[in-house]
Amino acid sequence: METPFFVLKIKKSPTRGNRIGIIISTAVEKDASRRNFWKRQTKAIFKLLPNANTDLLIIFSKNIKKCTSRKFKEAFLNATSDLNPSFKTELITHQ
């Protein structure tokens, strides 16, 4: 799954529970505090996902500099909506 802000790779996990890998290089964002900000945002949204025994790898692109945290959350939830299609509508109605 590819969005303007990141590439998301999804694979079934042999272990119980979801796992995530986050890649945001210094070529994408030079400022360490901003890289950590996006990692924290990703982990916070990741915790909202239903348990689907899935491994997720998110690779950020340079366009993340143009992104707001709200746009990122929408893009991430849309990209992961195939894990549980009803989850996206549930999350939107409970906000």
Protein backbone atom coordinates (compact mmCIF):
# COMPACT_ATOMS: atom_id res chain seq x y z
CA MET A 1 0.00 0.00 0.00
CA GLU A 2 1.46 3.33 -1.01
CA THR A 3 0.31 6.81 0.03
CA PRO A 4 1.89 10.20 -0.66
CA PHE A 5 3.43 10.14 2.83
CA PHE A 6 4.55 6.55 3.33
CA VAL A 7 4.72 3.01 2.00
CA LEU A 8 2.99 0.38 4.12
CA LYS A 9 3.84 -3.29 3.81
CA ILE A 10 1.52 -5.78 5.48
CA LYS A 11 2.23 -9.45 6.10
CA LYS A 12 0.62 -12.11 8.27
CA SER A 13 2.61 -12.69 11.44
CA PRO A 14 3.60 -16.12 12.76
CA THR A 15 3.30 -14.72 16.30
CA ARG A 16 0.27 -13.64 18.28
CA GLY A 17 -0.59 -9.97 18.05
CA ASN A 18 0.35 -7.16 15.72
CA ARG A 19 3.91 -5.92 15.29
CA ILE A 20 5.20 -2.76 13.61
CA GLY A 21 8.46 -1.57 12.11
CA ILE A 22 9.00 2.12 11.42
CA ILE A 23 11.62 3.49 9.04
CA ILE A 24 12.20 7.23 8.77
CA SER A 25 15.71 8.07 7.65
CA THR A 26 17.70 11.25 8.07
CA ALA A 27 17.34 11.76 4.30
CA VAL A 28 13.59 12.09 4.87
CA GLU A 29 13.75 14.24 8.03
CA LYS A 30 17.02 15.64 9.32
CA ASP A 31 15.64 16.79 12.67
CA ALA A 32 15.68 13.92 15.20
CA SER A 33 12.81 15.39 17.21
CA ARG A 34 10.59 15.35 14.10
CA ARG A 35 11.58 11.77 13.28
CA ASN A 36 10.66 10.78 16.84
CA PHE A 37 7.41 12.75 16.56
CA TRP A 38 6.33 10.68 13.54
CA LYS A 39 7.38 7.45 15.26
CA ARG A 40 5.27 8.36 18.30
CA GLN A 41 2.30 9.27 16.10
CA THR A 42 2.58 5.95 14.27
CA LYS A 43 2.79 3.92 17.48
CA ALA A 44 -0.20 5.72 19.00
CA ILE A 45 -2.39 5.01 15.97
CA PHE A 46 -1.05 1.46 15.72
CA LYS A 47 -2.35 0.73 19.22
CA LEU A 48 -5.88 1.50 17.98
CA LEU A 49 -5.80 -1.26 15.37
CA PRO A 50 -7.59 -4.53 16.05
CA ASN A 51 -5.47 -7.59 16.70
CA ALA A 52 -5.09 -9.34 13.35
CA ASN A 53 -1.77 -11.19 13.88
CA THR A 54 -0.13 -8.91 11.35
CA ASP A 55 3.33 -7.44 10.79
CA LEU A 56 3.34 -3.89 9.48
CA LEU A 57 6.32 -2.04 8.03
CA ILE A 58 5.92 1.68 7.43
CA ILE A 59 8.54 3.52 5.39
CA PHE A 60 8.17 7.29 5.39
CA SER A 61 8.75 9.41 2.28
CA LYS A 62 9.99 12.98 2.00
CA ASN A 63 6.41 14.20 1.58
CA ILE A 64 5.86 13.64 5.31
CA LYS A 65 7.16 17.19 5.82
CA LYS A 66 3.96 18.48 4.16
CA CYS A 67 1.72 16.29 6.30
CA THR A 68 -0.24 17.15 9.42
CA SER A 69 -0.85 14.62 12.16
CA ARG A 70 -4.57 14.53 11.25
CA LYS A 71 -3.84 13.79 7.58
CA PHE A 72 -1.36 11.13 8.64
CA LYS A 73 -3.88 9.45 10.91
CA GLU A 74 -6.48 9.37 8.12
CA ALA A 75 -3.96 7.99 5.62
CA PHE A 76 -2.72 5.33 8.06
CA LEU A 77 -6.23 4.19 8.99
CA ASN A 78 -7.26 4.07 5.33
CA ALA A 79 -4.17 2.04 4.49
CA THR A 80 -4.87 -0.45 7.29
CA SER A 81 -8.64 -0.61 6.77
CA ASP A 82 -8.31 -3.98 5.03
CA LEU A 83 -7.29 -5.54 8.37
CA ASN A 84 -10.87 -5.01 9.54
CA PRO A 85 -13.07 -2.93 7.19
CA SER A 86 -15.66 -2.14 9.86
CA PHE A 87 -12.95 -0.79 12.18
CA LYS A 88 -12.51 2.39 10.12
CA THR A 89 -16.21 3.28 10.34
CA GLU A 90 -16.30 2.40 14.05
CA LEU A 91 -13.34 4.67 14.77
CA ILE A 92 -14.78 7.58 12.82
CA THR A 93 -18.16 7.37 14.59
CA HIS A 94 -16.53 7.23 18.06
CA GLN A 95 -14.32 10.32 17.64
